Amino acid sequence: MRRLHGSGKPWYVLHPPRKQGSSTHVTTTSLAPSLRNRTMLVTGASSGIGRAIAIAAARAGASLAITYRRNRQGAEETAAAISGVGGVAAHLFELDLARPGAVETLVAQLDERIDALDAWVNNAGADILTGEGRSLTRQQKLDAVLDVDLRGTVLASWAAVDYFRSRQRPGVIINMSWDHVLSGMAGENPVIYSAAKGGIHAFSKSLALDVAPLVRVNVIAPGFIDTAFGDEASAEWRAHVERVTPLGRWGTPEDVAQAAVYLASDAAAFVTGQALLVNGGVVS
């Protein structure tokens, strides 16, 4: 039984529940995090989680810069969706993280077209689960996720830190990991992803210590999210995911997007070096 300091009485005796019909007035404020007057960069925003993050940030009041690798049409659809929720026109940038010098080129373009960034979301990653990526060899899959997911995130994070430091501007970096790096998962693709996403997880924690207090660095670690991977999953696998997830469903890109908005906002002003698992309660 919890007791209040300096009192022999339990907390519920000193603070009994309010009776129904009580006229006590409670002042409330909006619980929705705000990104008003902020500018956010989201990489890999032509579809899926990246698109959802960009749209949710726009709803929260942010201006957006978004990147794509090959899917220009998808990026334009994201930009249209941003306008559709009342956001200002998004800036589009082509970015292939596997190409040498790509991040430096992006920063130069940002300087030309955007006054200042407040949040940098490293969402872009290599797809080894669907489409062409599914038919790659094991070595090719490993090279892809190490080049794009791990190395690309490290280089982009360093660029973001340099950007904020050079301007002495407080900033936020959000990197994308995977919940199963904490517990492990059998299979060729999970083993490959663990190498990259586990590296992102550890790197981000160390980076957060290195760049505080000017820059906050956090990680989002999604679980089973209903993106293109979910679309191609068998009925048996979809049912399995629902059974092992305490909340009983697949996550949505919007679930992850709300976590990103929170971490980018002042609601998370005292949060850095953390990994937020968005996975419906799956624990190791």
C-alpha atoms as a PDB file:
ATOM      1  CA  MET A   1       0.000   0.000   0.000  1.00  0.00           C
ATOM      2  CA  ARG A   2       1.496   3.330  -1.036  1.00  0.00           C
ATOM      3  CA  ARG A   3       1.677   5.977   1.702  1.00  0.00           C
ATOM      4  CA  LEU A   4       2.504   9.634   1.318  1.00  0.00           C
ATOM      5  CA  HIS A   5       5.721  10.940   2.819  1.00  0.00           C
ATOM      6  CA  GLY A   6       5.177  12.436   6.252  1.00  0.00           C
ATOM      7  CA  SER A   7       1.816  10.744   6.709  1.00  0.00           C
ATOM      8  CA  GLY A   8       0.766   7.430   8.129  1.00  0.00           C
ATOM      9  CA  LYS A   9      -2.298   7.425   5.932  1.00  0.00           C
ATOM     10  CA  PRO A  10      -2.561   5.816   2.516  1.00  0.00           C
ATOM     11  CA  TRP A  11      -2.823   8.175  -0.443  1.00  0.00           C
ATOM     12  CA  TYR A  12      -6.486   7.437  -1.085  1.00  0.00           C
ATOM     13  CA  VAL A  13      -7.509   8.643   2.389  1.00  0.00           C
ATOM     14  CA  LEU A  14      -5.892  12.042   1.860  1.00  0.00           C
ATOM     15  CA  HIS A  15      -7.054  12.281  -1.747  1.00  0.00           C
ATOM     16  CA  PRO A  16     -10.371  10.428  -2.036  1.00  0.00           C
ATOM     17  CA  PRO A  17     -11.980  10.087  -5.477  1.00  0.00           C
ATOM     18  CA  ARG A  18     -14.206  12.977  -6.507  1.00  0.00           C
ATOM     19  CA  LYS A  19     -17.918  12.247  -6.173  1.00  0.00           C
ATOM     20  CA  GLN A  20     -20.041  12.044  -9.277  1.00  0.00           C
ATOM     21  CA  GLY A  21     -21.633  15.349 -10.094  1.00  0.00           C
ATOM     22  CA  SER A  22     -18.887  17.319  -8.378  1.00  0.00           C
ATOM     23  CA  SER A  23     -18.829  20.920  -9.520  1.00  0.00           C
ATOM     24  CA  THR A  24     -15.053  21.198  -9.236  1.00  0.00           C
ATOM     25  CA  HIS A  25     -13.802  22.914 -12.385  1.00  0.00           C
ATOM     26  CA  VAL A  26     -10.856  21.294 -14.137  1.00  0.00           C
ATOM     27  CA  THR A  27      -8.939  23.305 -16.713  1.00  0.00           C
ATOM     28  CA  THR A  28      -7.642  21.226 -19.588  1.00  0.00           C
ATOM     29  CA  THR A  29      -5.380  21.952 -22.516  1.00  0.00           C
ATOM     30  CA  SER A  30      -4.922  20.178 -25.817  1.00  0.00           C
ATOM     31  CA  LEU A  31      -2.874  17.014 -25.491  1.00  0.00           C
ATOM     32  CA  ALA A  32      -1.937  16.954 -29.166  1.00  0.00           C
ATOM     33  CA  PRO A  33       1.776  17.761 -29.722  1.00  0.00           C
ATOM     34  CA  SER A  34       2.296  20.816 -31.884  1.00  0.00           C
ATOM     35  CA  LEU A  35       4.898  21.380 -34.580  1.00  0.00           C
ATOM     36  CA  ARG A  36       3.654  24.823 -35.490  1.00  0.00           C
ATOM     37  CA  ASN A  37       6.389  27.064 -36.909  1.00  0.00           C
ATOM     38  CA  ARG A  38       8.720  24.057 -37.245  1.00  0.00           C
ATOM     39  CA  THR A  39      10.239  22.549 -40.359  1.00  0.00           C
ATOM     40  CA  MET A  40      10.820  18.808 -40.603  1.00  0.00           C
ATOM     41  CA  LEU A  41      12.805  16.759 -43.116  1.00  0.00           C
ATOM     42  CA  VAL A  42      11.577  13.210 -43.678  1.00  0.00           C
ATOM     43  CA  THR A  43      13.664  10.880 -45.836  1.00  0.00           C
ATOM     44  CA  GLY A  44      11.987   8.079 -47.740  1.00  0.00           C
ATOM     45  CA  ALA A  45       8.607   9.799 -47.687  1.00  0.00           C
ATOM     46  CA  SER A  46       7.196   8.609 -51.016  1.00  0.00           C
ATOM     47  CA  SER A  47       5.152   5.856 -49.343  1.00  0.00           C
ATOM     48  CA  GLY A  48       4.499   3.899 -46.169  1.00  0.00           C
ATOM     49  CA  ILE A  49       5.776   5.099 -42.817  1.00  0.00           C
ATOM     50  CA  GLY A  50       7.662   8.064 -44.270  1.00  0.00           C
ATOM     51  CA  ARG A  51       4.557   9.353 -46.004  1.00  0.00           C
ATOM     52  CA  ALA A  52       2.507   8.938 -42.819  1.00  0.00           C
ATOM     53  CA  ILE A  53       5.094  10.829 -40.758  1.00  0.00           C
ATOM     54  CA  ALA A  54       5.127  13.721 -43.229  1.00  0.00           C
ATOM     55  CA  ILE A  55       1.334  13.981 -43.290  1.00  0.00           C
ATOM     56  CA  ALA A  56       1.027  13.752 -39.495  1.00  0.00           C
ATOM     57  CA  ALA A  57       3.693  16.432 -39.065  1.00  0.00           C
ATOM     58  CA  ALA A  58       1.812  18.689 -41.468  1.00  0.00           C
ATOM     59  CA  ARG A  59      -1.383  18.161 -39.473  1.00  0.00           C
ATOM     60  CA  ALA A  60       0.570  19.189 -36.372  1.00  0.00           C
ATOM     61  CA  GLY A  61       1.563  22.432 -38.084  1.00  0.00           C
ATOM     62  CA  ALA A  62       5.017  21.683 -39.522  1.00  0.00           C
ATOM     63  CA  SER A  63       6.407  22.660 -42.893  1.00  0.00           C
ATOM     64  CA  LEU A  64       7.881  19.676 -44.716  1.00  0.00           C
ATOM     65  CA  ALA A  65      10.868  18.721 -46.803  1.00  0.00           C
ATOM     66  CA  ILE A  66      10.629  15.157 -48.114  1.00  0.00           C
ATOM     67  CA  THR A  67      12.967  12.911 -50.055  1.00  0.00           C
ATOM     68  CA  TYR A  68      12.528  10.029 -52.447  1.00  0.00           C
ATOM     69  CA  ARG A  69      14.941   7.764 -54.314  1.00  0.00           C
ATOM     70  CA  ARG A  70      13.147   6.696 -57.494  1.00  0.00           C
ATOM     71  CA  ASN A  71       9.455   7.120 -56.760  1.00  0.00           C
ATOM     72  CA  ARG A  72       8.955  10.756 -57.708  1.00  0.00           C
ATOM     73  CA  GLN A  73       5.249  10.139 -58.306  1.00  0.00           C
ATOM     74  CA  GLY A  74       4.865   8.765 -54.799  1.00  0.00           C
ATOM     75  CA  ALA A  75       6.625  11.820 -53.355  1.00  0.00           C
ATOM     76  CA  GLU A  76       4.292  14.089 -55.313  1.00  0.00           C
ATOM     77  CA  GLU A  77       1.320  12.161 -53.921  1.00  0.00           C
ATOM     78  CA  THR A  78       2.699  12.694 -50.419  1.00  0.00           C
ATOM     79  CA  ALA A  79       3.069  16.410 -51.146  1.00  0.00           C
ATOM     80  CA  ALA A  80      -0.530  16.523 -52.379  1.00  0.00           C
ATOM     81  CA  ALA A  81      -1.707  14.794 -49.206  1.00  0.00           C
ATOM     82  CA  ILE A  82       0.202  17.359 -47.136  1.00  0.00           C
ATOM     83  CA  SER A  83      -1.598  20.153 -48.956  1.00  0.00           C
ATOM     84  CA  GLY A  84      -4.844  18.273 -48.463  1.00  0.00           C
ATOM     85  CA  VAL A  85      -4.554  18.455 -44.668  1.00  0.00           C
ATOM     86  CA  GLY A  86      -3.875  22.174 -44.818  1.00  0.00           C
ATOM     87  CA  GLY A  87      -0.091  22.048 -44.840  1.00  0.00           C
ATOM     88  CA  VAL A  88       2.102  24.396 -46.836  1.00  0.00           C
ATOM     89  CA  ALA A  89       3.613  23.086 -50.057  1.00  0.00           C
ATOM     90  CA  ALA A  90       6.303  20.507 -49.324  1.00  0.00           C
ATOM     91  CA  HIS A  91       9.806  20.702 -50.779  1.00  0.00           C
ATOM     92  CA  LEU A  92      10.819  17.562 -52.685  1.00  0.00           C
ATOM     93  CA  PHE A  93      14.400  16.298 -52.930  1.00  0.00           C
ATOM     94  CA  GLU A  94      15.857  13.270 -54.689  1.00  0.00           C
ATOM     95  CA  LEU A  95      18.107  11.259 -52.363  1.00  0.00           C
ATOM     96  CA  ASP A  96      19.873   7.940 -52.901  1.00  0.00           C
ATOM     97  CA  LEU A  97      21.725   7.223 -49.655  1.00  0.00           C
ATOM     98  CA  ALA A  98      23.801   4.511 -51.316  1.00  0.00           C
ATOM     99  CA  ARG A  99      25.355   7.087 -53.677  1.00  0.00           C
ATOM    100  CA  PRO A 100      28.592   8.753 -52.493  1.00  0.00           C
ATOM    101  CA  GLY A 101      28.119  12.443 -51.730  1.00  0.00           C
ATOM    102  CA  ALA A 102      24.323  12.206 -51.694  1.00  0.00           C
ATOM    103  CA  VAL A 103      23.913  13.602 -48.186  1.00  0.00           C
ATOM    104  CA  GLU A 104      26.239  16.527 -48.863  1.00  0.00           C
ATOM    105  CA  THR A 105      24.242  17.347 -51.987  1.00  0.00           C
ATOM    106  CA  LEU A 106      21.014  17.235 -49.993  1.00  0.00           C
ATOM    107  CA  VAL A 107      22.341  19.654 -47.376  1.00  0.00           C
ATOM    108  CA  ALA A 108      23.426  22.097 -50.077  1.00  0.00           C
ATOM    109  CA  GLN A 109      19.973  21.931 -51.636  1.00  0.00           C
ATOM    110  CA  LEU A 110      18.331  22.450 -48.239  1.00  0.00           C
ATOM    111  CA  ASP A 111      20.407  25.590 -47.728  1.00  0.00           C
ATOM    112  CA  GLU A 112      19.172  26.925 -51.068  1.00  0.00           C
ATOM    113  CA  ARG A 113      15.486  26.221 -50.568  1.00  0.00           C
ATOM    114  CA  ILE A 114      14.728  26.188 -46.833  1.00  0.00           C
ATOM    115  CA  ASP A 115      15.325  28.833 -44.194  1.00  0.00           C
ATOM    116  CA  ALA A 116      16.016  26.425 -41.339  1.00  0.00           C
ATOM    117  CA  LEU A 117      15.284  22.884 -40.197  1.00  0.00           C
ATOM    118  CA  ASP A 118      14.085  21.910 -36.736  1.00  0.00           C
ATOM    119  CA  ALA A 119      13.728  18.131 -37.091  1.00  0.00           C
ATOM    120  CA  TRP A 120      15.442  15.543 -39.277  1.00  0.00           C
ATOM    121  CA  VAL A 121      13.785  12.106 -39.594  1.00  0.00           C
ATOM    122  CA  ASN A 122      15.960   9.350 -41.064  1.00  0.00           C
ATOM    123  CA  ASN A 123      13.287   7.003 -42.340  1.00  0.00           C
ATOM    124  CA  ALA A 124      14.705   5.902 -45.719  1.00  0.00           C
ATOM    125  CA  GLY A 125      15.681   2.266 -45.880  1.00  0.00           C
ATOM    126  CA  ALA A 126      16.380  -0.518 -48.361  1.00  0.00           C
ATOM    127  CA  ASP A 127      13.474  -2.825 -49.184  1.00  0.00           C
ATOM    128  CA  ILE A 128      14.630  -6.442 -49.141  1.00  0.00           C
ATOM    129  CA  LEU A 129      11.199  -7.894 -48.390  1.00  0.00           C
ATOM    130  CA  THR A 130       9.028  -6.939 -51.357  1.00  0.00           C
ATOM    131  CA  GLY A 131       9.308  -6.288 -55.093  1.00  0.00           C
ATOM    132  CA  GLU A 132      12.771  -6.537 -56.606  1.00  0.00           C
ATOM    133  CA  GLY A 133      14.420  -6.666 -53.194  1.00  0.00           C
ATOM    134  CA  ARG A 134      12.827  -9.986 -52.370  1.00  0.00           C
ATOM    135  CA  SER A 135      14.812 -11.742 -55.132  1.00  0.00           C
ATOM    136  CA  LEU A 136      18.230 -10.400 -54.120  1.00  0.00           C
ATOM    137  CA  THR A 137      20.883 -12.788 -52.874  1.00  0.00           C
ATOM    138  CA  ARG A 138      21.733 -12.853 -49.182  1.00  0.00           C
ATOM    139  CA  GLN A 139      24.913 -10.881 -49.806  1.00  0.00           C
ATOM    140  CA  GLN A 140      23.086  -8.305 -51.913  1.00  0.00           C
ATOM    141  CA  LYS A 141      20.451  -7.855 -49.217  1.00  0.00           C
ATOM    142  CA  LEU A 142      23.147  -7.357 -46.592  1.00  0.00           C
ATOM    143  CA  ASP A 143      24.971  -4.817 -48.745  1.00  0.00           C
ATOM    144  CA  ALA A 144      21.738  -2.913 -49.357  1.00  0.00           C
ATOM    145  CA  VAL A 145      20.681  -2.550 -45.718  1.00  0.00           C
ATOM    146  CA  LEU A 146      24.203  -1.760 -44.541  1.00  0.00           C
ATOM    147  CA  ASP A 147      24.635   0.897 -47.246  1.00  0.00           C
ATOM    148  CA  VAL A 148      21.234   2.540 -46.946  1.00  0.00           C
ATOM    149  CA  ASP A 149      19.833   1.797 -43.497  1.00  0.00           C
ATOM    150  CA  LEU A 150      22.980   1.798 -41.362  1.00  0.00           C
ATOM    151  CA  ARG A 151      25.619   3.799 -43.222  1.00  0.00           C
ATOM    152  CA  GLY A 152      23.001   6.139 -44.674  1.00  0.00           C
ATOM    153  CA  THR A 153      21.535   6.840 -41.254  1.00  0.00           C
ATOM    154  CA  VAL A 154      24.959   7.460 -39.723  1.00  0.00           C
ATOM    155  CA  LEU A 155      26.003   9.863 -42.494  1.00  0.00           C
ATOM    156  CA  ALA A 156      22.665  11.666 -42.475  1.00  0.00           C
ATOM    157  CA  SER A 157      22.739  11.964 -38.677  1.00  0.00           C
ATOM    158  CA  TRP A 158      26.231  13.460 -38.795  1.00  0.00           C
ATOM    159  CA  ALA A 159      25.051  15.896 -41.458  1.00  0.00           C
ATOM    160  CA  ALA A 160      22.073  16.856 -39.297  1.00  0.00           C
ATOM    161  CA  VAL A 161      24.310  17.429 -36.274  1.00  0.00           C
ATOM    162  CA  ASP A 162      26.643  19.619 -38.348  1.00  0.00           C
ATOM    163  CA  TYR A 163      23.626  21.510 -39.670  1.00  0.00           C
ATOM    164  CA  PHE A 164      22.264  22.299 -36.210  1.00  0.00           C
ATOM    165  CA  ARG A 165      25.652  22.995 -34.646  1.00  0.00           C
ATOM    166  CA  SER A 166      26.785  25.349 -37.392  1.00  0.00           C
ATOM    167  CA  ARG A 167      23.682  27.433 -36.778  1.00  0.00           C
ATOM    168  CA  GLN A 168      23.660  26.951 -32.987  1.00  0.00           C
ATOM    169  CA  ARG A 169      20.068  25.925 -33.510  1.00  0.00           C
ATOM    170  CA  PRO A 170      18.348  23.357 -31.272  1.00  0.00           C
ATOM    171  CA  GLY A 171      17.312  20.368 -33.332  1.00  0.00           C
ATOM    172  CA  VAL A 172      15.825  16.906 -33.236  1.00  0.00           C
ATOM    173  CA  ILE A 173      17.033  13.755 -34.983  1.00  0.00           C
ATOM    174  CA  ILE A 174      14.761  10.708 -35.179  1.00  0.00           C
ATOM    175  CA  ASN A 175      16.200   7.442 -36.462  1.00  0.00           C
ATOM    176  CA  MET A 176      14.318   4.277 -37.367  1.00  0.00           C
ATOM    177  CA  SER A 177      15.274   0.932 -35.862  1.00  0.00           C
ATOM    178  CA  TRP A 178      13.235  -2.254 -35.312  1.00  0.00           C
ATOM    179  CA  ASP A 179      11.735  -3.668 -32.136  1.00  0.00           C
ATOM    180  CA  HIS A 180      13.154  -7.160 -32.685  1.00  0.00           C
ATOM    181  CA  VAL A 181      16.756  -5.978 -32.364  1.00  0.00           C
ATOM    182  CA  LEU A 182      16.120  -6.211 -28.623  1.00  0.00           C
ATOM    183  CA  SER A 183      14.843  -9.777 -28.634  1.00  0.00           C
ATOM    184  CA  GLY A 184      16.037 -11.385 -31.866  1.00  0.00           C
ATOM    185  CA  MET A 185      14.105 -13.141 -34.594  1.00  0.00           C
ATOM    186  CA  ALA A 186      14.978 -16.196 -36.659  1.00  0.00           C
ATOM    187  CA  GLY A 187      15.173 -16.127 -40.446  1.00  0.00           C
ATOM    188  CA  GLU A 188      17.490 -14.814 -43.143  1.00  0.00           C
ATOM    189  CA  ASN A 189      15.851 -11.417 -43.522  1.00  0.00           C
ATOM    190  CA  PRO A 190      15.472 -10.765 -39.779  1.00  0.00           C
ATOM    191  CA  VAL A 191      19.140 -11.658 -39.235  1.00  0.00           C
ATOM    192  CA  ILE A 192      20.172  -9.200 -41.963  1.00  0.00           C
ATOM    193  CA  TYR A 193      17.887  -6.456 -40.657  1.00  0.00           C
ATOM    194  CA  SER A 194      19.172  -6.968 -37.133  1.00  0.00           C
ATOM    195  CA  ALA A 195      22.709  -6.152 -38.230  1.00  0.00           C
ATOM    196  CA  ALA A 196      21.657  -2.773 -39.617  1.00  0.00           C
ATOM    197  CA  LYS A 197      18.804  -1.807 -37.319  1.00  0.00           C
ATOM    198  CA  GLY A 198      20.707  -2.909 -34.222  1.00  0.00           C
ATOM    199  CA  GLY A 199      23.564  -0.688 -35.319  1.00  0.00           C
ATOM    200  CA  ILE A 200      21.180   2.249 -35.713  1.00  0.00           C
ATOM    201  CA  HIS A 201      19.809   1.631 -32.225  1.00  0.00           C
ATOM    202  CA  ALA A 202      23.246   1.623 -30.569  1.00  0.00           C
ATOM    203  CA  PHE A 203      24.644   4.459 -32.696  1.00  0.00           C
ATOM    204  CA  SER A 204      21.716   6.726 -31.880  1.00  0.00           C
ATOM    205  CA  LYS A 205      22.102   6.253 -28.129  1.00  0.00           C
ATOM    206  CA  SER A 206      25.785   7.175 -28.260  1.00  0.00           C
ATOM    207  CA  LEU A 207      25.127  10.086 -30.610  1.00  0.00           C
ATOM    208  CA  ALA A 208      22.497  11.437 -28.209  1.00  0.00           C
ATOM    209  CA  LEU A 209      25.126  11.606 -25.456  1.00  0.00           C
ATOM    210  CA  ASP A 210      27.610  13.270 -27.776  1.00  0.00           C
ATOM    211  CA  VAL A 211      25.385  16.076 -29.056  1.00  0.00           C
ATOM    212  CA  ALA A 212      23.252  16.982 -26.034  1.00  0.00           C
ATOM    213  CA  PRO A 213      21.950  19.436 -25.036  1.00  0.00           C
ATOM    214  CA  LEU A 214      21.748  21.252 -28.380  1.00  0.00           C
ATOM    215  CA  VAL A 215      20.365  18.277 -30.308  1.00  0.00           C
ATOM    216  CA  ARG A 216      18.010  15.562 -29.144  1.00  0.00           C
ATOM    217  CA  VAL A 217      18.392  12.125 -30.752  1.00  0.00           C
ATOM    218  CA  ASN A 218      15.814   9.371 -30.378  1.00  0.00           C
ATOM    219  CA  VAL A 219      14.877   6.120 -32.061  1.00  0.00           C
ATOM    220  CA  ILE A 220      11.537   4.729 -33.141  1.00  0.00           C
ATOM    221  CA  ALA A 221      11.486   0.935 -33.240  1.00  0.00           C
ATOM    222  CA  PRO A 222       8.354  -0.240 -35.072  1.00  0.00           C
ATOM    223  CA  GLY A 223       7.047  -3.757 -34.818  1.00  0.00           C
ATOM    224  CA  PHE A 224       4.822  -5.365 -37.424  1.00  0.00           C
ATOM    225  CA  ILE A 225       3.449  -2.441 -39.422  1.00  0.00           C
ATOM    226  CA  ASP A 226       0.897  -2.855 -42.193  1.00  0.00           C
ATOM    227  CA  THR A 227       2.883  -1.455 -45.112  1.00  0.00           C
ATOM    228  CA  ALA A 228       3.749  -3.166 -48.410  1.00  0.00           C
ATOM    229  CA  PHE A 229       5.246  -6.031 -46.378  1.00  0.00           C
ATOM    230  CA  GLY A 230       1.921  -6.589 -44.673  1.00  0.00           C
ATOM    231  CA  ASP A 231       0.085  -6.420 -47.970  1.00  0.00           C
ATOM    232  CA  GLU A 232       2.143  -9.335 -49.296  1.00  0.00           C
ATOM    233  CA  ALA A 233       2.053 -11.406 -46.106  1.00  0.00           C
ATOM    234  CA  SER A 234       0.086 -14.633 -46.133  1.00  0.00           C
ATOM    235  CA  ALA A 235      -3.188 -14.922 -44.255  1.00  0.00           C
ATOM    236  CA  GLU A 236      -1.492 -17.341 -41.863  1.00  0.00           C
ATOM    237  CA  TRP A 237       1.309 -14.903 -41.063  1.00  0.00           C
ATOM    238  CA  ARG A 238      -1.085 -12.004 -40.619  1.00  0.00           C
ATOM    239  CA  ALA A 239      -3.130 -14.079 -38.181  1.00  0.00           C
ATOM    240  CA  HIS A 240       0.049 -15.111 -36.340  1.00  0.00           C
ATOM    241  CA  VAL A 241       1.097 -11.481 -35.872  1.00  0.00           C
ATOM    242  CA  GLU A 242      -2.322 -10.622 -34.481  1.00  0.00           C
ATOM    243  CA  ARG A 243      -2.105 -13.552 -32.028  1.00  0.00           C
ATOM    244  CA  VAL A 244       1.317 -12.624 -30.656  1.00  0.00           C
ATOM    245  CA  THR A 245       0.590  -8.887 -30.413  1.00  0.00           C
ATOM    246  CA  PRO A 246      -1.067  -7.988 -27.094  1.00  0.00           C
ATOM    247  CA  LEU A 247      -3.143  -5.252 -28.737  1.00  0.00           C
ATOM    248  CA  GLY A 248      -4.376  -7.818 -31.229  1.00  0.00           C
ATOM    249  CA  ARG A 249      -3.629  -6.141 -34.547  1.00  0.00           C
ATOM    250  CA  TRP A 250      -0.969  -5.010 -36.965  1.00  0.00           C
ATOM    251  CA  GLY A 251       0.297  -1.492 -36.466  1.00  0.00           C
ATOM    252  CA  THR A 252      -0.380   1.200 -39.029  1.00  0.00           C
ATOM    253  CA  PRO A 253       2.002   3.761 -40.511  1.00  0.00           C
ATOM    254  CA  GLU A 254      -0.080   6.366 -38.686  1.00  0.00           C
ATOM    255  CA  ASP A 255       0.742   4.712 -35.345  1.00  0.00           C
ATOM    256  CA  VAL A 256       4.427   5.240 -36.059  1.00  0.00           C
ATOM    257  CA  ALA A 257       3.804   8.750 -37.370  1.00  0.00           C
ATOM    258  CA  GLN A 258       2.219   9.884 -34.123  1.00  0.00           C
ATOM    259  CA  ALA A 259       5.310   8.719 -32.240  1.00  0.00           C
ATOM    260  CA  ALA A 260       7.494  10.784 -34.581  1.00  0.00           C
ATOM    261  CA  VAL A 261       5.370  13.895 -34.081  1.00  0.00           C
ATOM    262  CA  TYR A 262       5.637  13.472 -30.330  1.00  0.00           C
ATOM    263  CA  LEU A 263       9.412  13.040 -30.361  1.00  0.00           C
ATOM    264  CA  ALA A 264       9.864  16.062 -32.626  1.00  0.00           C
ATOM    265  CA  SER A 265       7.680  18.275 -30.456  1.00  0.00           C
ATOM    266  CA  ASP A 266       8.245  20.170 -27.229  1.00  0.00           C
ATOM    267  CA  ALA A 267       6.171  17.499 -25.500  1.00  0.00           C
ATOM    268  CA  ALA A 268       9.358  15.398 -25.672  1.00  0.00           C
ATOM    269  CA  ALA A 269      11.708  18.242 -24.682  1.00  0.00           C
ATOM    270  CA  PHE A 270      13.198  16.117 -21.873  1.00  0.00           C
ATOM    271  CA  VAL A 271      13.510  12.956 -23.969  1.00  0.00           C
ATOM    272  CA  THR A 272      16.772  11.999 -25.687  1.00  0.00           C
ATOM    273  CA  GLY A 273      18.769   8.827 -26.192  1.00  0.00           C
ATOM    274  CA  GLN A 274      15.610   6.725 -25.995  1.00  0.00           C
ATOM    275  CA  ALA A 275      14.025   4.062 -28.178  1.00  0.00           C
ATOM    276  CA  LEU A 276      10.255   4.191 -28.471  1.00  0.00           C
ATOM    277  CA  LEU A 277       8.828   0.806 -29.401  1.00  0.00           C
ATOM    278  CA  VAL A 278       5.677   1.107 -31.491  1.00  0.00           C
ATOM    279  CA  ASN A 279       4.708  -2.540 -31.598  1.00  0.00           C
ATOM    280  CA  GLY A 280       1.412  -3.154 -29.872  1.00  0.00           C
ATOM    281  CA  GLY A 281       2.975  -4.358 -26.642  1.00  0.00           C
ATOM    282  CA  VAL A 282       5.213  -7.166 -27.893  1.00  0.00           C
ATOM    283  CA  VAL A 283       7.948  -7.703 -25.305  1.00  0.00           C
ATOM    284  CA  SER A 284      10.943 -10.020 -25.216  1.00  0.00           C
END
